[in-house]
Amino acid sequence: MVEHDALNFTREAYDAAASTYAQLFRDSLRDSPLDRAILGVFAEVVSASGDGRVADLGCGPGYVTAYLDELGLAAFGVDASPEMIKLARQAYPGLRFDVGSMTALNIADGVLGGVLSRWSIIHTPPQALPVILAEFHRVLAPGGHLLIGFSATDDSSHQTQVFDHAVAPAYRWWPDHLAAMLRESGLPEVARMVREPQPTDRRQFKEIHLLARKA
């Protein structure tokens, strides 16, 4: 029930904020060479595995999905917010975008070369995360890669911490704890990128990207 209520609240909050969100973050990749770099690494390893099909889960208004398409991947987006999917379809009519939940993806077993989860788990209650990681594992082909981005806590005594997000309640994760959860889900970490908070950042949190591979 907690997970269901959290998903409904988050969906409604992002529906209400969709237009503002799309405008605010439309050019965020242009201004972030580190993000472009890790997405480039992700695209390269997915392509090298022989299957360029990628699901951008929590795709929002679709600009990252479109960037993955520019990098040569057969990318499509999934988001719980119908308004976000509506905006993504309008902005990128040549790409596929579906309304869906990460807890029960409408994707067949083992068909994807890659899964991107870019800040899409931050609104997930900690007890619900293993279900989502199991879905990531299920839809990935053997040797497929997951790139997961999230806000991190520096306090190892707290595996998760709630923080005040502008749209909906959110969680920060101790990176080693999340990496251990990935490993237990059959997705061992192969690399990570750490972005330290900058003086101009509104929130002084580390940002982490973990790259994992299905064994």
C-alpha atoms as a PDB file:
ATOM      1  CA  MET A   1       0.000   0.000   0.000  1.00  0.00           C
ATOM      2  CA  VAL A   2       2.833   2.420   0.844  1.00  0.00           C
ATOM      3  CA  GLU A   3       4.488   1.772  -2.518  1.00  0.00           C
ATOM      4  CA  HIS A   4       1.173   2.185  -4.388  1.00  0.00           C
ATOM      5  CA  ASP A   5       0.390   5.447  -2.586  1.00  0.00           C
ATOM      6  CA  ALA A   6       3.893   6.780  -3.262  1.00  0.00           C
ATOM      7  CA  LEU A   7       3.613   5.961  -6.978  1.00  0.00           C
ATOM      8  CA  ASN A   8       0.215   7.646  -7.278  1.00  0.00           C
ATOM      9  CA  PHE A   9       1.420  10.741  -5.442  1.00  0.00           C
ATOM     10  CA  THR A  10       4.567  10.965  -7.567  1.00  0.00           C
ATOM     11  CA  ARG A  11       2.626  10.460 -10.802  1.00  0.00           C
ATOM     12  CA  GLU A  12       0.147  13.199  -9.933  1.00  0.00           C
ATOM     13  CA  ALA A  13       2.911  15.570  -8.833  1.00  0.00           C
ATOM     14  CA  TYR A  14       4.868  15.120 -12.070  1.00  0.00           C
ATOM     15  CA  ASP A  15       1.702  15.435 -14.153  1.00  0.00           C
ATOM     16  CA  ALA A  16       1.144  18.833 -12.547  1.00  0.00           C
ATOM     17  CA  ALA A  17       4.768  19.928 -13.003  1.00  0.00           C
ATOM     18  CA  ALA A  18       5.384  18.392 -16.440  1.00  0.00           C
ATOM     19  CA  SER A  19       5.472  21.574 -18.553  1.00  0.00           C
ATOM     20  CA  THR A  20       7.666  23.461 -16.073  1.00  0.00           C
ATOM     21  CA  TYR A  21       9.992  20.474 -15.682  1.00  0.00           C
ATOM     22  CA  ALA A  22      10.382  20.089 -19.436  1.00  0.00           C
ATOM     23  CA  GLN A  23      11.330  23.747 -19.837  1.00  0.00           C
ATOM     24  CA  LEU A  24      13.775  23.765 -16.919  1.00  0.00           C
ATOM     25  CA  PHE A  25      15.726  20.667 -17.962  1.00  0.00           C
ATOM     26  CA  ARG A  26      15.446  20.823 -21.742  1.00  0.00           C
ATOM     27  CA  ASP A  27      19.075  21.913 -22.172  1.00  0.00           C
ATOM     28  CA  SER A  28      20.572  20.242 -19.105  1.00  0.00           C
ATOM     29  CA  LEU A  29      22.703  17.783 -21.089  1.00  0.00           C
ATOM     30  CA  ARG A  30      24.197  20.626 -23.120  1.00  0.00           C
ATOM     31  CA  ASP A  31      25.445  22.177 -19.878  1.00  0.00           C
ATOM     32  CA  SER A  32      26.731  18.934 -18.320  1.00  0.00           C
ATOM     33  CA  PRO A  33      29.739  17.347 -20.062  1.00  0.00           C
ATOM     34  CA  LEU A  34      30.038  14.727 -17.300  1.00  0.00           C
ATOM     35  CA  ASP A  35      26.502  13.516 -17.920  1.00  0.00           C
ATOM     36  CA  ARG A  36      27.153  13.357 -21.648  1.00  0.00           C
ATOM     37  CA  ALA A  37      30.352  11.421 -20.968  1.00  0.00           C
ATOM     38  CA  ILE A  38      28.739   8.701 -18.839  1.00  0.00           C
ATOM     39  CA  LEU A  39      25.855   8.384 -21.294  1.00  0.00           C
ATOM     40  CA  GLY A  40      28.442   7.987 -24.049  1.00  0.00           C
ATOM     41  CA  VAL A  41      30.172   5.193 -22.131  1.00  0.00           C
ATOM     42  CA  PHE A  42      26.809   3.525 -21.586  1.00  0.00           C
ATOM     43  CA  ALA A  43      25.982   3.743 -25.291  1.00  0.00           C
ATOM     44  CA  GLU A  44      29.364   2.289 -26.221  1.00  0.00           C
ATOM     45  CA  VAL A  45      29.163  -0.740 -23.924  1.00  0.00           C
ATOM     46  CA  VAL A  46      25.564  -1.453 -24.928  1.00  0.00           C
ATOM     47  CA  SER A  47      26.470  -1.287 -28.611  1.00  0.00           C
ATOM     48  CA  ALA A  48      29.495  -3.524 -28.024  1.00  0.00           C
ATOM     49  CA  SER A  49      27.259  -6.186 -26.476  1.00  0.00           C
ATOM     50  CA  GLY A  50      25.502  -6.525 -29.826  1.00  0.00           C
ATOM     51  CA  ASP A  51      22.019  -5.262 -28.934  1.00  0.00           C
ATOM     52  CA  GLY A  52      21.347  -1.537 -28.986  1.00  0.00           C
ATOM     53  CA  ARG A  53      17.783  -1.699 -27.641  1.00  0.00           C
ATOM     54  CA  VAL A  54      17.528   0.472 -24.537  1.00  0.00           C
ATOM     55  CA  ALA A  55      14.685   1.439 -22.208  1.00  0.00           C
ATOM     56  CA  ASP A  56      14.964   4.894 -20.639  1.00  0.00           C
ATOM     57  CA  LEU A  57      12.914   4.291 -17.493  1.00  0.00           C
ATOM     58  CA  GLY A  58      11.549   7.419 -15.905  1.00  0.00           C
ATOM     59  CA  CYS A  59      12.189   9.244 -19.171  1.00  0.00           C
ATOM     60  CA  GLY A  60      10.234  12.379 -18.290  1.00  0.00           C
ATOM     61  CA  PRO A  61       9.886  14.693 -21.307  1.00  0.00           C
ATOM     62  CA  GLY A  62      12.176  12.489 -23.385  1.00  0.00           C
ATOM     63  CA  TYR A  63      15.293  14.571 -23.981  1.00  0.00           C
ATOM     64  CA  VAL A  64      17.661  11.876 -22.689  1.00  0.00           C
ATOM     65  CA  THR A  65      15.872   9.211 -24.741  1.00  0.00           C
ATOM     66  CA  ALA A  66      16.424  11.392 -27.795  1.00  0.00           C
ATOM     67  CA  TYR A  67      20.108  11.800 -26.908  1.00  0.00           C
ATOM     68  CA  LEU A  68      20.530   8.013 -26.681  1.00  0.00           C
ATOM     69  CA  ASP A  69      18.920   7.770 -30.110  1.00  0.00           C
ATOM     70  CA  GLU A  70      21.480  10.284 -31.426  1.00  0.00           C
ATOM     71  CA  LEU A  71      24.213   8.034 -30.017  1.00  0.00           C
ATOM     72  CA  GLY A  72      22.960   5.195 -32.208  1.00  0.00           C
ATOM     73  CA  LEU A  73      20.863   3.214 -29.734  1.00  0.00           C
ATOM     74  CA  ALA A  74      17.346   1.945 -30.401  1.00  0.00           C
ATOM     75  CA  ALA A  75      16.012   3.817 -27.381  1.00  0.00           C
ATOM     76  CA  PHE A  76      12.460   4.149 -26.122  1.00  0.00           C
ATOM     77  CA  GLY A  77      11.084   5.857 -23.019  1.00  0.00           C
ATOM     78  CA  VAL A  78       8.781   4.771 -20.197  1.00  0.00           C
ATOM     79  CA  ASP A  79       7.357   7.040 -17.510  1.00  0.00           C
ATOM     80  CA  ALA A  80       4.585   6.794 -14.920  1.00  0.00           C
ATOM     81  CA  SER A  81       3.375  10.319 -15.745  1.00  0.00           C
ATOM     82  CA  PRO A  82       0.944  10.495 -18.687  1.00  0.00           C
ATOM     83  CA  GLU A  83       1.636  14.239 -19.022  1.00  0.00           C
ATOM     84  CA  MET A  84       5.372  13.646 -19.316  1.00  0.00           C
ATOM     85  CA  ILE A  85       4.772  11.010 -21.991  1.00  0.00           C
ATOM     86  CA  LYS A  86       2.463  13.399 -23.836  1.00  0.00           C
ATOM     87  CA  LEU A  87       5.201  16.060 -23.920  1.00  0.00           C
ATOM     88  CA  ALA A  88       7.833  13.517 -24.987  1.00  0.00           C
ATOM     89  CA  ARG A  89       5.686  12.307 -27.881  1.00  0.00           C
ATOM     90  CA  GLN A  90       5.084  15.888 -29.015  1.00  0.00           C
ATOM     91  CA  ALA A  91       8.781  16.807 -28.847  1.00  0.00           C
ATOM     92  CA  TYR A  92      10.110  13.597 -30.420  1.00  0.00           C
ATOM     93  CA  PRO A  93       7.367  12.112 -32.632  1.00  0.00           C
ATOM     94  CA  GLY A  94       9.783   9.654 -34.248  1.00  0.00           C
ATOM     95  CA  LEU A  95      10.527   7.876 -30.973  1.00  0.00           C
ATOM     96  CA  ARG A  96       8.470   5.500 -28.841  1.00  0.00           C
ATOM     97  CA  PHE A  97       7.214   6.568 -25.414  1.00  0.00           C
ATOM     98  CA  ASP A  98       4.958   4.495 -23.144  1.00  0.00           C
ATOM     99  CA  VAL A  99       3.166   5.108 -19.860  1.00  0.00           C
ATOM    100  CA  GLY A 100       4.251   2.454 -17.387  1.00  0.00           C
ATOM    101  CA  SER A 101       5.561   1.553 -13.939  1.00  0.00           C
ATOM    102  CA  MET A 102       9.052   0.289 -13.150  1.00  0.00           C
ATOM    103  CA  THR A 103       7.528  -2.215 -10.723  1.00  0.00           C
ATOM    104  CA  ALA A 104       5.768  -4.069 -13.567  1.00  0.00           C
ATOM    105  CA  LEU A 105       7.297  -3.255 -16.949  1.00  0.00           C
ATOM    106  CA  ASN A 106       5.413  -4.217 -20.091  1.00  0.00           C
ATOM    107  CA  ILE A 107       8.650  -5.562 -21.600  1.00  0.00           C
ATOM    108  CA  ALA A 108       9.471  -9.192 -22.371  1.00  0.00           C
ATOM    109  CA  ASP A 109      12.172 -11.089 -20.475  1.00  0.00           C
ATOM    110  CA  GLY A 110      15.784 -10.666 -21.579  1.00  0.00           C
ATOM    111  CA  VAL A 111      15.223  -8.496 -24.650  1.00  0.00           C
ATOM    112  CA  LEU A 112      17.166  -5.303 -23.844  1.00  0.00           C
ATOM    113  CA  GLY A 113      20.814  -4.491 -24.298  1.00  0.00           C
ATOM    114  CA  GLY A 114      20.520  -1.628 -21.835  1.00  0.00           C
ATOM    115  CA  VAL A 115      18.374  -0.015 -19.153  1.00  0.00           C
ATOM    116  CA  LEU A 116      18.807   3.617 -18.152  1.00  0.00           C
ATOM    117  CA  SER A 117      17.429   4.696 -14.787  1.00  0.00           C
ATOM    118  CA  ARG A 118      18.416   8.330 -14.459  1.00  0.00           C
ATOM    119  CA  TRP A 119      17.147   9.683 -11.131  1.00  0.00           C
ATOM    120  CA  SER A 120      14.010   7.583 -11.606  1.00  0.00           C
ATOM    121  CA  ILE A 121      14.437   5.625  -8.340  1.00  0.00           C
ATOM    122  CA  ILE A 122      14.742   8.638  -6.052  1.00  0.00           C
ATOM    123  CA  HIS A 123      11.013   8.696  -5.253  1.00  0.00           C
ATOM    124  CA  THR A 124      10.881   4.944  -4.570  1.00  0.00           C
ATOM    125  CA  PRO A 125      10.399   3.914  -0.925  1.00  0.00           C
ATOM    126  CA  PRO A 126      13.431   1.809   0.077  1.00  0.00           C
ATOM    127  CA  GLN A 127      11.353  -1.314   0.696  1.00  0.00           C
ATOM    128  CA  ALA A 128      10.078  -1.197  -2.905  1.00  0.00           C
ATOM    129  CA  LEU A 129      13.472  -0.892  -4.595  1.00  0.00           C
ATOM    130  CA  PRO A 130      14.292  -4.647  -4.737  1.00  0.00           C
ATOM    131  CA  VAL A 131      11.173  -5.186  -6.872  1.00  0.00           C
ATOM    132  CA  ILE A 132      12.349  -2.538  -9.335  1.00  0.00           C
ATOM    133  CA  LEU A 133      15.893  -3.909  -9.486  1.00  0.00           C
ATOM    134  CA  ALA A 134      14.453  -7.358 -10.160  1.00  0.00           C
ATOM    135  CA  GLU A 135      12.511  -5.881 -13.097  1.00  0.00           C
ATOM    136  CA  PHE A 136      15.698  -4.299 -14.460  1.00  0.00           C
ATOM    137  CA  HIS A 137      17.387  -7.691 -14.278  1.00  0.00           C
ATOM    138  CA  ARG A 138      14.421  -9.470 -15.867  1.00  0.00           C
ATOM    139  CA  VAL A 139      14.226  -7.313 -18.992  1.00  0.00           C
ATOM    140  CA  LEU A 140      17.986  -7.191 -19.641  1.00  0.00           C
ATOM    141  CA  ALA A 141      19.620  -9.744 -21.910  1.00  0.00           C
ATOM    142  CA  PRO A 142      22.643 -11.620 -20.508  1.00  0.00           C
ATOM    143  CA  GLY A 143      25.557  -9.215 -20.728  1.00  0.00           C
ATOM    144  CA  GLY A 144      23.210  -6.216 -20.889  1.00  0.00           C
ATOM    145  CA  HIS A 145      24.054  -3.053 -18.961  1.00  0.00           C
ATOM    146  CA  LEU A 146      22.217  -0.883 -16.463  1.00  0.00           C
ATOM    147  CA  LEU A 147      23.142   2.754 -15.818  1.00  0.00           C
ATOM    148  CA  ILE A 148      21.480   4.060 -12.679  1.00  0.00           C
ATOM    149  CA  GLY A 149      21.797   7.640 -11.425  1.00  0.00           C
ATOM    150  CA  PHE A 150      20.802   8.898  -7.978  1.00  0.00           C
ATOM    151  CA  SER A 151      21.524  11.398  -5.224  1.00  0.00           C
ATOM    152  CA  ALA A 152      23.897  10.073  -2.574  1.00  0.00           C
ATOM    153  CA  THR A 153      24.257  10.362   1.165  1.00  0.00           C
ATOM    154  CA  ASP A 154      27.728  10.720   2.698  1.00  0.00           C
ATOM    155  CA  ASP A 155      26.679   9.083   5.965  1.00  0.00           C
ATOM    156  CA  SER A 156      27.333   5.351   5.802  1.00  0.00           C
ATOM    157  CA  SER A 157      25.380   4.843   9.026  1.00  0.00           C
ATOM    158  CA  HIS A 158      22.206   5.770   7.101  1.00  0.00           C
ATOM    159  CA  GLN A 159      21.702   3.629   4.027  1.00  0.00           C
ATOM    160  CA  THR A 160      18.920   5.961   2.859  1.00  0.00           C
ATOM    161  CA  GLN A 161      17.922   9.486   3.793  1.00  0.00           C
ATOM    162  CA  VAL A 162      14.781  11.416   2.927  1.00  0.00           C
ATOM    163  CA  PHE A 163      15.307  14.840   1.381  1.00  0.00           C
ATOM    164  CA  ASP A 164      13.058  17.691   0.308  1.00  0.00           C
ATOM    165  CA  HIS A 165      12.540  17.428  -3.436  1.00  0.00           C
ATOM    166  CA  ALA A 166      10.694  20.157  -5.347  1.00  0.00           C
ATOM    167  CA  VAL A 167       8.156  17.738  -6.836  1.00  0.00           C
ATOM    168  CA  ALA A 168       7.685  14.766  -4.486  1.00  0.00           C
ATOM    169  CA  PRO A 169       9.289  13.182  -1.388  1.00  0.00           C
ATOM    170  CA  ALA A 170      12.632  11.658  -2.348  1.00  0.00           C
ATOM    171  CA  TYR A 171      15.459   9.496  -1.028  1.00  0.00           C
ATOM    172  CA  ARG A 172      19.241   9.607  -1.111  1.00  0.00           C
ATOM    173  CA  TRP A 173      21.226   6.351  -1.066  1.00  0.00           C
ATOM    174  CA  TRP A 174      24.571   5.311   0.379  1.00  0.00           C
ATOM    175  CA  PRO A 175      26.348   4.290  -2.876  1.00  0.00           C
ATOM    176  CA  ASP A 176      27.955   1.101  -1.564  1.00  0.00           C
ATOM    177  CA  HIS A 177      24.606  -0.053  -0.186  1.00  0.00           C
ATOM    178  CA  LEU A 178      22.881   0.449  -3.528  1.00  0.00           C
ATOM    179  CA  ALA A 179      25.779  -1.279  -5.306  1.00  0.00           C
ATOM    180  CA  ALA A 180      25.331  -4.244  -2.945  1.00  0.00           C
ATOM    181  CA  MET A 181      21.608  -4.348  -3.747  1.00  0.00           C
ATOM    182  CA  LEU A 182      22.442  -4.396  -7.448  1.00  0.00           C
ATOM    183  CA  ARG A 183      24.897  -7.249  -6.922  1.00  0.00           C
ATOM    184  CA  GLU A 184      22.272  -9.228  -4.990  1.00  0.00           C
ATOM    185  CA  SER A 185      19.874  -8.649  -7.908  1.00  0.00           C
ATOM    186  CA  GLY A 186      22.356 -10.170 -10.367  1.00  0.00           C
ATOM    187  CA  LEU A 187      23.649  -6.828 -11.599  1.00  0.00           C
ATOM    188  CA  PRO A 188      27.205  -6.395 -10.297  1.00  0.00           C
ATOM    189  CA  GLU A 189      28.783  -2.963 -10.589  1.00  0.00           C
ATOM    190  CA  VAL A 190      31.478  -2.478 -13.210  1.00  0.00           C
ATOM    191  CA  ALA A 191      32.092   1.266 -12.830  1.00  0.00           C
ATOM    192  CA  ARG A 192      30.829   4.396 -11.122  1.00  0.00           C
ATOM    193  CA  MET A 193      30.999   8.136 -11.674  1.00  0.00           C
ATOM    194  CA  VAL A 194      30.840  10.541  -8.736  1.00  0.00           C
ATOM    195  CA  ARG A 195      29.953  14.177  -9.268  1.00  0.00           C
ATOM    196  CA  GLU A 196      30.768  16.351  -6.272  1.00  0.00           C
ATOM    197  CA  PRO A 197      28.320  19.155  -5.441  1.00  0.00           C
ATOM    198  CA  GLN A 198      29.173  22.477  -7.020  1.00  0.00           C
ATOM    199  CA  PRO A 199      28.834  25.916  -5.341  1.00  0.00           C
ATOM    200  CA  THR A 200      25.982  26.798  -7.692  1.00  0.00           C
ATOM    201  CA  ASP A 201      23.989  23.631  -6.921  1.00  0.00           C
ATOM    202  CA  ARG A 202      20.782  24.192  -4.968  1.00  0.00           C
ATOM    203  CA  ARG A 203      21.305  20.922  -3.110  1.00  0.00           C
ATOM    204  CA  GLN A 204      24.748  20.049  -1.861  1.00  0.00           C
ATOM    205  CA  PHE A 205      24.501  16.319  -2.606  1.00  0.00           C
ATOM    206  CA  LYS A 206      26.837  14.027  -4.464  1.00  0.00           C
ATOM    207  CA  GLU A 207      25.419  12.617  -7.677  1.00  0.00           C
ATOM    208  CA  ILE A 208      26.296   9.013  -8.492  1.00  0.00           C
ATOM    209  CA  HIS A 209      26.057   6.982 -11.674  1.00  0.00           C
ATOM    210  CA  LEU A 210      26.556   3.236 -11.257  1.00  0.00           C
ATOM    211  CA  LEU A 211      27.172   1.122 -14.346  1.00  0.00           C
ATOM    212  CA  ALA A 212      26.233  -2.524 -13.800  1.00  0.00           C
ATOM    213  CA  ARG A 213      26.149  -5.594 -16.029  1.00  0.00           C
ATOM    214  CA  LYS A 214      23.848  -8.604 -15.993  1.00  0.00           C
ATOM    215  CA  ALA A 215      26.020 -11.650 -15.441  1.00  0.00           C
END
